[in-house]
Amino acid sequence: MSEALVIIGNGMAAARLVDELGKRALGRYAIAVIGDEPRLAYNRVLLSSVLAGEATSQDIELKSGAWWRDHGVTVRYGCAATAVDTVAREVTLADGKRVGYSRLVFATGSNALRLNIPGAELPGVHTFRDSHDVDQLIELANSRKRVAVIGGGLLGLEAAYGIAKAGATVTLIHLMDRLMERQLDAPAAALLKQLVERKGVRVELNASTARIFGDDRVEGIELADGRVLQADAVVFAAGIRPNAALAKDAGIPVNRGIVVDDRLETQFPNIYALGECAEHRGSCYGLVEPAYEQAAILAEHLAGRTAGYGGSVVATNLKVSGVGVFSAGDFLATNDSEVVVLNDPRRGVYRKLVLADGALTGAVLVGDTREALWYLELIRNRTPVATMRGDLMFGRSMAEMKAA
């Protein structure tokens, strides 16, 4: 008889885990996927494309209903899990029903942060995290509203680009001195700012939001330096927090995220976590690729094989506000490293390679990211690059041809 495996969360991590289990342990588990969003799993990375009118909501769906049925999965979406009983081994749903499990996986993702500032609860304040948020933001853009986006990281840039492309007047407000400071160095961030502003988004750096003001709804933002920006709506896109409340309420250890070991298992046997809600060796990864790596490892373990997760090389490889951006490894060159840079602002291209001990240890690309996956492979494998050192900047074909 198949074991009952319940996955709480119907996002990208859950979909990948089911896919990986289908390759390794098809038929071993009777899988139930439970999620509060009223739709099948979709590619959250492409929400900005939907917002910008470059894709439809259906286009970003990861798997069809038929795919889930063919994999023998019961999907309960639009019905949140409200409690977990680790003794009775049951999950309680919002409709009062209970689902029993033999093994349980938390894939609950993250929640959008809302800044604790005056006016944050006014009508007209939004977040940018799920498809419901996108529907609301499309309405704003169609009304040609003035929108202030708070947050100059990946989420903020994607929200600003999508809203601007959909027709709104957008100002991006960021606390730090450069965009995407966790993924880019100063020259790369400066080029990204230039390219984003060419697309019609006004960018305000070193800008701390003091309050959102308005009588019955949002009318504008006041910055800490006294400047006032008029706005009809505000979008919080200043970060995410692991969605670990359900696990914490069940008595499962939680720090920033749900604490897991190298098997992605919590301190409770047969209860696991992966993706943005999980904390492994003190790290919470807010990116898709680590979640997919974790899904493969957890599927191996659930299939009865020996497998361990040692952490991920953090890499960003995305279209940010319509601009290709990639960073990976020690891109800030924190150790005694050699740095090679190509910077061509007129063409909108920036490349930075960091080398140490004969290997590529970090890279940043803005504009042209065609070689990103090759650079990432070199970094992850610590491939010796001495023979191609002189041509490494110019991509795989030239570097490997010269090294041959």
Protein backbone atom coordinates (compact mmCIF):
# COMPACT_ATOMS: atom_id res chain seq x y z
CA MET A 1 0.00 0.00 0.00
CA SER A 2 1.26 3.51 -0.83
CA GLU A 3 2.42 5.74 2.02
CA ALA A 4 0.48 8.94 2.61
CA LEU A 5 2.72 11.90 1.76
CA VAL A 6 1.24 15.35 2.36
CA ILE A 7 2.89 18.48 0.93
CA ILE A 8 1.72 21.79 2.43
CA GLY A 9 2.15 24.45 -0.25
CA ASN A 10 1.29 24.34 -3.95
CA GLY A 11 4.09 26.46 -5.36
CA MET A 12 7.23 25.88 -7.39
CA ALA A 13 9.05 23.81 -4.73
CA ALA A 14 6.08 21.47 -4.29
CA ALA A 15 5.66 20.98 -8.05
CA ARG A 16 9.36 20.18 -8.49
CA LEU A 17 9.32 17.70 -5.58
CA VAL A 18 6.39 15.83 -7.11
CA ASP A 19 8.18 15.81 -10.47
CA GLU A 20 11.38 14.46 -8.89
CA LEU A 21 9.46 11.80 -6.96
CA GLY A 22 7.83 10.69 -10.20
CA LYS A 23 11.29 9.92 -11.59
CA ARG A 24 12.47 8.04 -8.49
CA ALA A 25 9.56 6.60 -6.52
CA LEU A 26 6.49 6.51 -8.74
CA GLY A 27 3.66 4.72 -6.94
CA ARG A 28 5.43 4.56 -3.58
CA TYR A 29 3.45 7.46 -2.15
CA ALA A 30 -0.16 8.59 -2.21
CA ILE A 31 0.55 12.31 -2.52
CA ALA A 32 -1.74 15.12 -1.44
CA VAL A 33 -0.75 18.75 -2.17
CA ILE A 34 -2.48 21.43 -0.10
CA GLY A 35 -2.29 25.13 -0.92
CA ASP A 36 -4.14 28.30 -0.08
CA GLU A 37 -3.76 29.99 -3.49
CA PRO A 38 -6.86 29.25 -5.61
CA ARG A 39 -4.97 27.86 -8.60
CA LEU A 40 -2.44 25.26 -9.67
CA ALA A 41 1.29 25.85 -9.17
CA TYR A 42 2.76 28.55 -11.38
CA ASN A 43 6.13 30.14 -12.11
CA ARG A 44 6.30 32.97 -9.60
CA VAL A 45 9.43 34.34 -11.30
CA LEU A 46 7.28 35.27 -14.31
CA LEU A 47 4.67 37.28 -12.40
CA SER A 48 6.30 40.49 -13.62
CA SER A 49 5.86 39.28 -17.21
CA VAL A 50 2.13 38.89 -16.55
CA LEU A 51 2.07 42.34 -14.98
CA ALA A 52 3.86 43.79 -18.00
CA GLY A 53 1.47 42.09 -20.45
CA GLU A 54 4.24 39.86 -21.84
CA ALA A 55 2.54 36.64 -20.67
CA THR A 56 -0.88 35.54 -19.48
CA SER A 57 -1.72 33.96 -16.15
CA GLN A 58 -2.24 30.63 -17.94
CA ASP A 59 1.14 30.88 -19.66
CA ILE A 60 3.02 30.69 -16.35
CA GLU A 61 1.22 27.59 -15.03
CA LEU A 62 3.88 24.96 -14.33
CA LYS A 63 1.85 21.77 -14.84
CA SER A 64 -1.62 21.10 -16.19
CA GLY A 65 -4.41 19.51 -14.19
CA ALA A 66 -3.94 16.39 -16.29
CA TRP A 67 -0.26 16.16 -15.28
CA TRP A 68 -1.15 16.16 -11.59
CA ARG A 69 -3.82 13.49 -12.18
CA ASP A 70 -1.42 11.36 -14.21
CA HIS A 71 1.03 11.47 -11.30
CA GLY A 72 -1.69 10.28 -8.94
CA VAL A 73 -1.64 13.49 -6.92
CA THR A 74 -4.64 14.87 -5.06
CA VAL A 75 -4.43 18.67 -5.24
CA ARG A 76 -6.42 20.74 -2.73
CA TYR A 77 -5.91 24.37 -3.73
CA GLY A 78 -7.75 27.39 -2.42
CA CYS A 79 -7.96 25.69 0.97
CA ALA A 80 -5.19 26.54 3.44
CA ALA A 81 -3.73 24.20 6.03
CA THR A 82 -4.48 25.71 9.44
CA ALA A 83 -2.88 23.26 11.89
CA VAL A 84 -0.58 20.26 12.07
CA ASP A 85 -0.94 17.60 14.78
CA THR A 86 2.41 15.82 14.95
CA VAL A 87 1.07 13.20 17.39
CA ALA A 88 -2.05 12.22 15.46
CA ARG A 89 -0.19 12.86 12.18
CA GLU A 90 -2.96 14.98 10.73
CA VAL A 91 -3.22 18.28 8.88
CA THR A 92 -6.33 20.36 9.53
CA LEU A 93 -7.67 22.43 6.62
CA ALA A 94 -9.55 25.73 6.59
CA ASP A 95 -12.79 23.92 5.78
CA GLY A 96 -12.43 21.79 8.91
CA LYS A 97 -11.42 18.58 7.14
CA ARG A 98 -8.40 16.60 8.29
CA VAL A 99 -5.82 14.84 6.15
CA GLY A 100 -3.68 12.09 7.64
CA TYR A 101 -0.04 11.62 6.70
CA SER A 102 2.81 9.18 7.09
CA ARG A 103 5.31 11.78 5.86
CA LEU A 104 4.84 15.53 5.74
CA VAL A 105 6.64 18.22 3.74
CA PHE A 106 6.41 21.95 4.37
CA ALA A 107 6.79 23.88 1.10
CA THR A 108 5.03 27.00 2.32
CA GLY A 109 7.35 29.55 0.73
CA SER A 110 7.58 33.13 2.00
CA ASN A 111 5.40 36.11 2.80
CA ALA A 112 5.96 39.64 1.53
CA LEU A 113 7.29 42.09 4.11
CA ARG A 114 5.23 45.14 4.97
CA LEU A 115 7.21 48.00 6.49
CA ASN A 116 6.06 49.03 9.94
CA ILE A 117 5.56 52.71 9.11
CA PRO A 118 2.64 55.12 9.58
CA GLY A 119 0.06 54.77 6.82
CA ALA A 120 1.03 51.21 5.87
CA GLU A 121 -2.57 50.03 6.31
CA LEU A 122 -4.17 52.73 4.15
CA PRO A 123 -6.27 51.61 1.17
CA GLY A 124 -4.02 51.74 -1.88
CA VAL A 125 -1.05 49.97 -0.24
CA HIS A 126 -0.20 46.68 -1.95
CA THR A 127 2.39 43.91 -1.98
CA PHE A 128 3.93 42.07 -4.95
CA ARG A 129 4.09 38.40 -4.18
CA ASP A 130 1.35 36.31 -5.82
CA SER A 131 -1.11 36.25 -8.70
CA HIS A 132 -3.79 38.05 -6.66
CA ASP A 133 -1.35 40.93 -6.12
CA VAL A 134 -0.67 41.05 -9.86
CA ASP A 135 -4.39 41.29 -10.66
CA GLN A 136 -4.68 44.33 -8.38
CA LEU A 137 -1.56 45.97 -9.79
CA ILE A 138 -2.80 45.52 -13.37
CA GLU A 139 -5.94 47.44 -12.42
CA LEU A 140 -3.76 50.25 -11.04
CA ALA A 141 -1.66 50.41 -14.18
CA ASN A 142 -4.70 50.38 -16.45
CA SER A 143 -6.02 53.40 -14.54
CA ARG A 144 -2.73 55.24 -15.25
CA LYS A 145 -2.12 55.76 -11.54
CA ARG A 146 1.03 57.21 -9.99
CA VAL A 147 2.68 54.30 -8.16
CA ALA A 148 5.55 54.29 -5.67
CA VAL A 149 7.38 50.98 -5.30
CA ILE A 150 9.38 50.56 -2.09
CA GLY A 151 12.35 48.23 -2.48
CA GLY A 152 15.22 48.16 -4.97
CA GLY A 153 15.95 44.45 -4.85
CA LEU A 154 14.73 41.88 -7.33
CA LEU A 155 11.08 42.06 -6.25
CA GLY A 156 10.96 45.86 -6.35
CA LEU A 157 12.58 46.10 -9.75
CA GLU A 158 10.27 43.51 -11.22
CA ALA A 159 7.21 45.23 -9.79
CA ALA A 160 8.35 48.66 -11.00
CA TYR A 161 9.09 47.44 -14.52
CA GLY A 162 5.84 45.54 -14.86
CA ILE A 163 3.68 48.39 -13.57
CA ALA A 164 5.47 50.97 -15.74
CA LYS A 165 5.17 48.81 -18.85
CA ALA A 166 1.48 48.35 -18.13
CA GLY A 167 0.99 52.11 -18.22
CA ALA A 168 1.50 53.63 -14.76
CA THR A 169 3.93 56.38 -13.73
CA VAL A 170 6.38 54.68 -11.38
CA THR A 171 8.93 55.85 -8.82
CA LEU A 172 11.18 53.21 -7.25
CA ILE A 173 12.32 54.05 -3.71
CA HIS A 174 15.32 52.22 -2.24
CA LEU A 175 16.96 52.61 1.15
CA MET A 176 20.45 51.62 0.01
CA ASP A 177 22.98 53.41 -2.19
CA ARG A 178 22.57 50.99 -5.10
CA LEU A 179 20.05 48.60 -6.62
CA MET A 180 20.24 44.86 -5.85
CA GLU A 181 23.08 45.39 -3.38
CA ARG A 182 23.02 41.70 -2.39
CA GLN A 183 23.61 40.53 -5.95
CA LEU A 184 25.56 43.32 -7.67
CA ASP A 185 28.66 45.40 -7.09
CA ALA A 186 28.54 49.19 -7.42
CA PRO A 187 29.42 49.52 -11.17
CA ALA A 188 26.95 46.79 -12.16
CA ALA A 189 24.22 48.38 -10.05
CA ALA A 190 24.92 51.80 -11.57
CA LEU A 191 24.51 50.38 -15.08
CA LEU A 192 21.30 48.60 -14.06
CA LYS A 193 19.92 51.88 -12.68
CA GLN A 194 20.70 53.59 -15.98
CA LEU A 195 18.99 50.84 -17.98
CA VAL A 196 15.94 50.76 -15.70
CA GLU A 197 15.50 54.54 -15.96
CA ARG A 198 15.60 54.25 -19.75
CA LYS A 199 12.48 52.10 -19.40
CA GLY A 200 10.58 54.91 -17.72
CA VAL A 201 11.09 54.10 -14.01
CA ARG A 202 12.29 56.96 -11.81
CA VAL A 203 14.79 55.65 -9.21
CA GLU A 204 15.41 57.27 -5.81
CA LEU A 205 18.38 55.82 -3.89
CA ASN A 206 19.41 56.46 -0.26
CA ALA A 207 15.71 57.09 0.30
CA SER A 208 14.17 56.04 3.61
CA THR A 209 10.38 56.06 3.77
CA ALA A 210 9.13 57.88 6.89
CA ARG A 211 5.39 57.56 6.29
CA ILE A 212 2.63 57.03 3.78
CA PHE A 213 0.06 59.78 3.99
CA GLY A 214 -3.54 60.31 2.89
CA ASP A 215 -6.96 60.87 4.39
CA ASP A 216 -9.08 57.97 3.16
CA ARG A 217 -6.47 56.34 0.93
CA VAL A 218 -2.89 56.77 -0.27
CA GLU A 219 -1.97 60.26 -1.49
CA GLY A 220 1.82 60.12 -1.27
CA ILE A 221 5.01 59.25 0.59
CA GLU A 222 7.17 61.38 2.85
CA LEU A 223 10.85 60.45 2.97
CA ALA A 224 13.05 60.75 6.04
CA ASP A 225 14.90 63.73 4.53
CA GLY A 226 11.62 65.64 4.22
CA ARG A 227 10.97 65.12 0.51
CA VAL A 228 7.39 64.39 -0.48
CA LEU A 229 6.42 62.17 -3.43
CA GLN A 230 2.85 62.22 -4.72
CA ALA A 231 1.39 58.76 -5.32
CA ASP A 232 -2.00 57.14 -5.80
CA ALA A 233 -0.73 53.75 -4.66
CA VAL A 234 2.25 52.20 -2.87
CA VAL A 235 3.69 48.75 -3.46
CA PHE A 236 5.79 47.09 -0.77
CA ALA A 237 8.44 44.95 -2.47
CA ALA A 238 11.16 45.28 0.14
CA GLY A 239 11.78 41.62 0.90
CA ILE A 240 10.30 38.34 2.03
CA ARG A 241 10.04 36.36 5.27
CA PRO A 242 9.90 32.54 5.44
CA ASN A 243 6.34 31.35 5.99
CA ALA A 244 7.04 29.15 9.01
CA ALA A 245 4.18 30.01 11.37
CA LEU A 246 2.29 26.76 10.79
CA ALA A 247 5.35 24.67 11.64
CA LYS A 248 6.15 26.81 14.69
CA ASP A 249 2.61 26.43 16.00
CA ALA A 250 3.04 22.66 15.68
CA GLY A 251 6.14 22.76 17.90
CA ILE A 252 8.62 22.21 15.07
CA PRO A 253 11.88 24.17 15.64
CA VAL A 254 11.98 27.46 13.72
CA ASN A 255 14.63 30.17 13.62
CA ARG A 256 14.23 32.43 10.60
CA GLY A 257 12.89 29.41 8.74
CA ILE A 258 11.96 25.82 9.53
CA VAL A 259 15.20 24.21 10.69
CA VAL A 260 16.24 21.17 8.62
CA ASP A 261 19.28 18.91 8.41
CA ASP A 262 21.15 17.67 5.33
CA ARG A 263 18.24 15.35 4.48
CA LEU A 264 15.86 18.36 4.62
CA GLU A 265 14.31 16.72 7.69
CA THR A 266 13.18 18.63 10.77
CA GLN A 267 13.82 17.43 14.32
CA PHE A 268 10.53 15.53 13.97
CA PRO A 269 11.08 12.23 12.09
CA ASN A 270 9.38 12.08 8.67
CA ILE A 271 8.59 15.80 8.66
CA TYR A 272 10.55 17.83 6.11
CA ALA A 273 10.80 21.34 4.68
CA LEU A 274 12.23 22.75 1.47
CA GLY A 275 12.36 25.96 -0.48
CA GLU A 276 11.99 29.47 0.91
CA CYS A 277 10.41 28.32 4.19
CA ALA A 278 13.39 26.10 5.11
CA GLU A 279 16.54 27.04 7.02
CA HIS A 280 19.57 24.83 6.36
CA ARG A 281 22.83 25.38 8.22
CA GLY A 282 21.67 28.86 9.16
CA SER A 283 20.77 29.89 5.60
CA CYS A 284 17.36 30.62 4.08
CA TYR A 285 17.43 30.76 0.28
CA GLY A 286 14.97 33.13 -1.36
CA LEU A 287 15.70 31.85 -4.85
CA VAL A 288 14.24 29.14 -7.06
CA GLU A 289 17.38 27.17 -7.92
CA PRO A 290 18.22 26.13 -4.32
CA ALA A 291 14.61 24.97 -3.89
CA TYR A 292 14.96 22.79 -6.97
CA GLU A 293 18.26 21.37 -5.71
CA GLN A 294 16.61 20.60 -2.38
CA ALA A 295 13.68 18.92 -4.14
CA ALA A 296 16.04 16.52 -5.92
CA ILE A 297 17.82 15.62 -2.68
CA LEU A 298 14.59 15.16 -0.74
CA ALA A 299 13.16 12.98 -3.52
CA GLU A 300 16.26 10.76 -3.32
CA HIS A 301 15.82 10.43 0.42
CA LEU A 302 12.09 9.69 0.12
CA ALA A 303 12.90 7.06 -2.50
CA GLY A 304 15.02 5.26 0.12
CA ARG A 305 18.42 6.27 -1.23
CA THR A 306 21.28 7.98 0.58
CA ALA A 307 21.43 11.65 -0.27
CA GLY A 308 22.56 14.81 1.48
CA TYR A 309 22.18 18.51 0.82
CA GLY A 310 25.32 20.54 1.47
CA GLY A 311 23.94 23.96 0.61
CA SER A 312 23.73 25.89 -2.66
CA VAL A 313 26.02 28.24 -4.55
CA VAL A 314 23.81 31.30 -4.57
CA ALA A 315 23.27 32.57 -8.10
CA THR A 316 20.93 35.07 -9.71
CA ASN A 317 20.24 34.62 -13.41
CA LEU A 318 17.15 36.54 -14.46
CA LYS A 319 15.66 39.26 -16.56
CA VAL A 320 15.37 42.14 -14.12
CA SER A 321 13.13 44.91 -15.41
CA GLY A 322 13.75 43.58 -18.89
CA VAL A 323 17.55 43.61 -18.36
CA GLY A 324 19.65 40.44 -18.16
CA VAL A 325 21.34 40.17 -14.74
CA PHE A 326 23.55 37.37 -13.41
CA SER A 327 25.69 37.05 -10.30
CA ALA A 328 27.19 34.06 -8.55
CA GLY A 329 29.81 33.10 -6.01
CA ASP A 330 32.26 35.54 -4.47
CA PHE A 331 31.38 38.36 -6.87
CA LEU A 332 32.55 41.04 -4.41
CA ALA A 333 36.05 39.50 -4.30
CA THR A 334 36.20 39.38 -0.51
CA ASN A 335 39.40 37.30 -0.44
CA ASP A 336 42.78 37.90 -2.10
CA SER A 337 41.36 37.48 -5.56
CA GLU A 338 42.08 38.74 -9.05
CA VAL A 339 39.34 40.81 -10.66
CA VAL A 340 38.82 41.25 -14.41
CA VAL A 341 36.24 43.80 -15.59
CA LEU A 342 34.68 44.79 -18.91
CA ASN A 343 32.43 47.84 -18.62
CA ASP A 344 30.70 49.33 -21.67
CA PRO A 345 27.86 51.62 -20.50
CA ARG A 346 27.02 52.75 -24.04
CA ARG A 347 26.25 49.19 -25.09
CA GLY A 348 24.68 48.44 -21.71
CA VAL A 349 27.14 45.62 -20.95
CA TYR A 350 29.08 44.91 -17.75
CA ARG A 351 31.12 41.81 -16.96
CA LYS A 352 33.17 41.10 -13.86
CA LEU A 353 35.06 37.86 -13.24
CA VAL A 354 36.72 36.98 -9.93
CA LEU A 355 39.53 34.41 -9.93
CA ALA A 356 41.42 32.73 -7.08
CA ASP A 357 43.75 29.72 -6.93
CA GLY A 358 43.44 29.12 -10.68
CA ALA A 359 39.64 28.90 -10.67
CA LEU A 360 36.68 31.19 -11.31
CA THR A 361 35.14 31.97 -7.91
CA GLY A 362 32.63 34.72 -8.76
CA ALA A 363 31.00 36.59 -11.64
CA VAL A 364 28.64 39.47 -12.38
CA LEU A 365 26.99 40.08 -15.76
CA VAL A 366 24.59 42.85 -16.70
CA GLY A 367 23.06 43.28 -20.15
CA ASP A 368 24.53 40.27 -21.96
CA THR A 369 24.05 37.12 -19.87
CA ARG A 370 24.34 34.49 -22.59
CA GLU A 371 27.39 32.88 -20.94
CA ALA A 372 25.89 32.88 -17.44
CA LEU A 373 25.29 29.14 -17.13
CA TRP A 374 28.81 28.36 -18.33
CA TYR A 375 30.35 30.71 -15.76
CA LEU A 376 28.14 29.17 -13.08
CA GLU A 377 29.31 25.69 -14.05
CA LEU A 378 32.94 26.80 -13.77
CA ILE A 379 32.31 28.32 -10.34
CA ARG A 380 30.43 25.31 -8.95
CA ASN A 381 32.96 22.79 -10.26
CA ARG A 382 36.01 24.95 -9.42
CA THR A 383 37.27 24.12 -12.91
CA PRO A 384 40.92 25.11 -13.53
CA VAL A 385 40.89 28.08 -15.93
CA ALA A 386 44.60 28.94 -16.26
CA THR A 387 44.79 27.80 -19.91
CA MET A 388 41.83 29.97 -20.90
CA ARG A 389 42.56 32.90 -18.57
CA GLY A 390 43.20 35.41 -21.36
CA ASP A 391 39.93 34.71 -23.17
CA LEU A 392 37.66 33.85 -20.27
CA MET A 393 35.95 37.24 -20.45
CA PHE A 394 34.84 36.63 -24.05
CA GLY A 395 32.81 33.50 -23.46
CA ARG A 396 32.92 29.75 -23.79
CA SER A 397 33.52 29.30 -27.51
CA MET A 398 36.54 31.58 -27.66
CA ALA A 399 38.01 30.46 -24.32
CA GLU A 400 37.75 26.74 -25.03
CA MET A 401 38.95 27.15 -28.63
CA LYS A 402 42.10 28.97 -27.48
CA ALA A 403 42.64 26.49 -24.64
CA ALA A 404 42.40 23.46 -26.95
